[in-house]
């Protein structure tokens, strides 16, 4: 049973992911908004452990220029 507010299951625990790779851009783009902000847990249903690892992976991908820092949306 899901422990979060909206009863969503964590996709990472269901697939038993051990490591979130910063080079997997297709996965990371699912958790970044159109303005390049990290989407919060209560929208995605990701556990706290994986949300922290996801944030680190997104920040590393930004530093390696794989993801943009800011998307102005203009």
N, C-alpha and C. Protein backbone atom coordinates (compact mmCIF):
# COMPACT_ATOMS: atom_id res chain seq x y z
N UNK A 1 0.83 -1.18 0.00
CA UNK A 1 0.00 0.00 0.00
C UNK A 1 0.88 1.24 0.00
N UNK A 2 0.49 2.20 -0.77
CA UNK A 2 1.27 3.43 -0.88
C UNK A 2 1.10 4.26 0.38
N UNK A 3 2.17 4.95 0.77
CA UNK A 3 2.16 5.72 2.00
C UNK A 3 1.96 7.21 1.77
N UNK A 4 1.91 7.63 0.52
CA UNK A 4 1.80 9.05 0.28
C UNK A 4 0.35 9.50 0.19
N UNK A 5 0.18 10.77 0.06
CA UNK A 5 -1.12 11.42 0.18
C UNK A 5 -2.11 11.02 -0.92
N UNK A 6 -1.64 10.82 -2.13
CA UNK A 6 -2.52 10.58 -3.25
C UNK A 6 -2.57 9.10 -3.68
N UNK A 7 -2.02 8.22 -2.85
CA UNK A 7 -2.05 6.77 -3.08
C UNK A 7 -1.45 6.37 -4.44
N UNK A 8 -0.34 6.99 -4.77
CA UNK A 8 0.39 6.59 -5.96
C UNK A 8 1.52 5.67 -5.53
N UNK A 9 1.83 4.72 -6.36
CA UNK A 9 2.93 3.82 -6.07
C UNK A 9 4.21 4.37 -6.67
N UNK A 10 5.29 4.17 -5.97
CA UNK A 10 6.58 4.65 -6.44
C UNK A 10 7.04 3.78 -7.62
N UNK A 11 7.33 4.40 -8.76
CA UNK A 11 7.76 3.59 -9.91
C UNK A 11 9.13 2.96 -9.72
N UNK A 12 9.97 3.55 -8.88
CA UNK A 12 11.30 3.02 -8.67
C UNK A 12 11.28 1.80 -7.75
N UNK A 13 10.41 1.79 -6.75
CA UNK A 13 10.34 0.62 -5.88
C UNK A 13 9.64 -0.54 -6.59
N UNK A 14 8.70 -0.25 -7.46
CA UNK A 14 8.04 -1.32 -8.21
C UNK A 14 9.00 -2.02 -9.15
N UNK A 15 9.92 -1.26 -9.75
CA UNK A 15 10.90 -1.84 -10.68
C UNK A 15 12.18 -2.26 -9.97
N UNK A 16 12.27 -2.04 -8.67
CA UNK A 16 13.42 -2.39 -7.84
C UNK A 16 14.71 -1.78 -8.38
N UNK A 17 14.67 -0.48 -8.62
CA UNK A 17 15.82 0.26 -9.12
C UNK A 17 16.81 0.46 -7.98
N UNK A 18 18.08 0.20 -8.25
CA UNK A 18 19.11 0.37 -7.22
C UNK A 18 19.85 1.69 -7.38
N UNK A 19 19.96 2.19 -8.61
CA UNK A 19 20.73 3.39 -8.87
C UNK A 19 20.05 4.19 -9.98
N UNK A 20 19.90 5.48 -9.77
CA UNK A 20 19.35 6.36 -10.79
C UNK A 20 20.53 7.02 -11.49
N UNK A 21 20.68 6.73 -12.76
CA UNK A 21 21.83 7.20 -13.52
C UNK A 21 21.56 8.59 -14.07
N UNK A 22 22.53 9.49 -13.94
CA UNK A 22 22.36 10.85 -14.43
C UNK A 22 22.45 10.91 -15.95
N UNK A 23 22.92 9.85 -16.60
CA UNK A 23 23.04 9.84 -18.06
C UNK A 23 21.75 9.36 -18.74
N UNK A 24 20.79 8.89 -17.97
CA UNK A 24 19.52 8.43 -18.52
C UNK A 24 18.57 9.62 -18.63
N UNK A 25 18.72 10.37 -19.70
CA UNK A 25 18.00 11.63 -19.87
C UNK A 25 16.50 11.41 -20.07
N UNK A 26 16.13 10.34 -20.75
CA UNK A 26 14.70 10.07 -20.97
C UNK A 26 13.96 9.86 -19.65
N UNK A 27 14.60 9.19 -18.71
CA UNK A 27 14.00 8.99 -17.40
C UNK A 27 13.93 10.30 -16.62
N UNK A 28 15.00 11.07 -16.65
CA UNK A 28 15.05 12.30 -15.87
C UNK A 28 14.08 13.35 -16.38
N UNK A 29 13.83 13.37 -17.67
CA UNK A 29 12.90 14.38 -18.24
C UNK A 29 11.47 14.18 -17.76
N UNK A 30 11.13 12.97 -17.34
CA UNK A 30 9.79 12.72 -16.81
C UNK A 30 9.57 13.44 -15.47
N UNK A 31 10.67 13.72 -14.77
CA UNK A 31 10.58 14.31 -13.44
C UNK A 31 11.05 15.76 -13.41
N UNK A 32 11.06 16.41 -14.59
CA UNK A 32 11.40 17.82 -14.70
C UNK A 32 10.24 18.50 -15.41
N UNK A 33 9.81 19.66 -14.89
CA UNK A 33 8.69 20.37 -15.49
C UNK A 33 9.12 21.07 -16.78
N UNK A 34 8.18 21.70 -17.44
CA UNK A 34 8.51 22.38 -18.70
C UNK A 34 9.40 23.59 -18.48
N UNK A 35 9.49 24.07 -17.25
CA UNK A 35 10.37 25.19 -16.92
C UNK A 35 11.67 24.71 -16.26
N UNK A 36 11.97 23.43 -16.42
CA UNK A 36 13.20 22.80 -15.91
C UNK A 36 13.29 22.77 -14.39
N UNK A 37 12.16 22.71 -13.73
CA UNK A 37 12.15 22.55 -12.27
C UNK A 37 11.88 21.09 -11.93
N UNK A 38 12.43 20.65 -10.82
CA UNK A 38 12.22 19.27 -10.38
C UNK A 38 10.80 19.14 -9.84
N UNK A 39 10.07 18.16 -10.33
CA UNK A 39 8.67 17.97 -9.93
C UNK A 39 8.63 17.37 -8.53
N UNK A 40 7.76 17.90 -7.64
CA UNK A 40 7.71 17.40 -6.26
C UNK A 40 7.15 15.99 -6.14
N UNK A 41 7.40 15.39 -4.99
CA UNK A 41 7.00 14.02 -4.72
C UNK A 41 5.50 13.80 -4.77
N UNK A 42 4.73 14.76 -4.30
CA UNK A 42 3.28 14.53 -4.22
C UNK A 42 2.62 14.51 -5.59
N UNK A 43 3.30 14.95 -6.64
CA UNK A 43 2.77 14.80 -7.99
C UNK A 43 3.20 13.48 -8.62
N UNK A 44 4.43 13.07 -8.37
CA UNK A 44 4.96 11.90 -9.05
C UNK A 44 4.75 10.61 -8.27
N UNK A 45 4.66 10.67 -6.94
CA UNK A 45 4.49 9.48 -6.13
C UNK A 45 5.79 8.76 -5.83
N UNK A 46 6.91 9.44 -5.98
CA UNK A 46 8.22 8.85 -5.73
C UNK A 46 8.51 8.89 -4.23
N UNK A 47 9.12 7.82 -3.70
CA UNK A 47 9.51 7.78 -2.29
C UNK A 47 10.59 8.82 -2.01
N UNK A 48 10.76 9.14 -0.74
CA UNK A 48 11.74 10.14 -0.34
C UNK A 48 13.16 9.73 -0.72
N UNK A 49 13.48 8.48 -0.52
CA UNK A 49 14.82 7.98 -0.85
C UNK A 49 15.13 8.18 -2.32
N UNK A 50 14.20 7.83 -3.18
CA UNK A 50 14.42 7.96 -4.61
C UNK A 50 14.27 9.40 -5.08
N UNK A 51 13.49 10.21 -4.40
CA UNK A 51 13.36 11.62 -4.77
C UNK A 51 14.68 12.34 -4.54
N UNK A 52 15.36 12.02 -3.45
CA UNK A 52 16.67 12.63 -3.19
C UNK A 52 17.69 12.19 -4.22
N UNK A 53 17.69 10.90 -4.56
CA UNK A 53 18.61 10.39 -5.57
C UNK A 53 18.28 10.97 -6.94
N UNK A 54 17.01 11.17 -7.21
CA UNK A 54 16.57 11.75 -8.47
C UNK A 54 17.03 13.20 -8.58
N UNK A 55 16.92 13.95 -7.48
CA UNK A 55 17.35 15.35 -7.48
C UNK A 55 18.86 15.44 -7.71
N UNK A 56 19.62 14.55 -7.10
CA UNK A 56 21.08 14.55 -7.30
C UNK A 56 21.40 14.21 -8.75
N UNK A 57 20.71 13.24 -9.33
CA UNK A 57 20.95 12.85 -10.72
C UNK A 57 20.60 13.98 -11.68
N UNK A 58 19.51 14.70 -11.42
CA UNK A 58 19.11 15.82 -12.27
C UNK A 58 20.14 16.95 -12.17
N UNK A 59 20.61 17.22 -10.96
CA UNK A 59 21.62 18.27 -10.79
C UNK A 59 22.93 17.91 -11.47
N UNK A 60 23.31 16.63 -11.41
CA UNK A 60 24.53 16.19 -12.10
C UNK A 60 24.37 16.30 -13.60
N UNK A 61 23.20 15.93 -14.11
CA UNK A 61 22.95 16.04 -15.55
C UNK A 61 22.97 17.49 -16.00
N UNK A 62 22.50 18.39 -15.17
CA UNK A 62 22.57 19.81 -15.50
C UNK A 62 24.01 20.29 -15.56
N UNK A 63 24.83 19.86 -14.60
CA UNK A 63 26.23 20.28 -14.59
C UNK A 63 27.01 19.72 -15.77
N UNK A 64 26.60 18.56 -16.27
CA UNK A 64 27.25 17.96 -17.42
C UNK A 64 26.64 18.44 -18.74
N UNK A 65 25.70 19.39 -18.67
CA UNK A 65 25.03 20.00 -19.83
C UNK A 65 24.18 18.99 -20.59
N UNK A 66 23.64 17.99 -19.89
CA UNK A 66 22.72 17.05 -20.50
C UNK A 66 21.27 17.53 -20.38
N UNK A 67 21.01 18.31 -19.34
CA UNK A 67 19.71 18.95 -19.12
C UNK A 67 19.92 20.45 -18.97
N UNK A 68 18.94 21.25 -19.37
CA UNK A 68 19.11 22.70 -19.20
C UNK A 68 18.87 23.12 -17.74
N UNK A 69 19.54 24.19 -17.34
CA UNK A 69 19.30 24.75 -16.02
C UNK A 69 17.96 25.46 -15.98
N UNK A 70 17.70 26.30 -16.97
CA UNK A 70 16.48 27.08 -17.01
C UNK A 70 15.93 27.03 -18.42
N UNK A 71 14.63 26.80 -18.52
CA UNK A 71 13.94 26.88 -19.80
C UNK A 71 12.96 28.03 -19.66
N UNK A 72 13.21 29.10 -20.39
CA UNK A 72 12.41 30.32 -20.23
C UNK A 72 10.98 30.13 -20.70
N UNK A 73 10.72 29.21 -21.62
CA UNK A 73 9.37 28.96 -22.07
C UNK A 73 8.83 30.02 -23.01
N UNK A 74 9.70 30.81 -23.56
CA UNK A 74 9.26 31.87 -24.50
C UNK A 74 9.26 31.38 -25.91
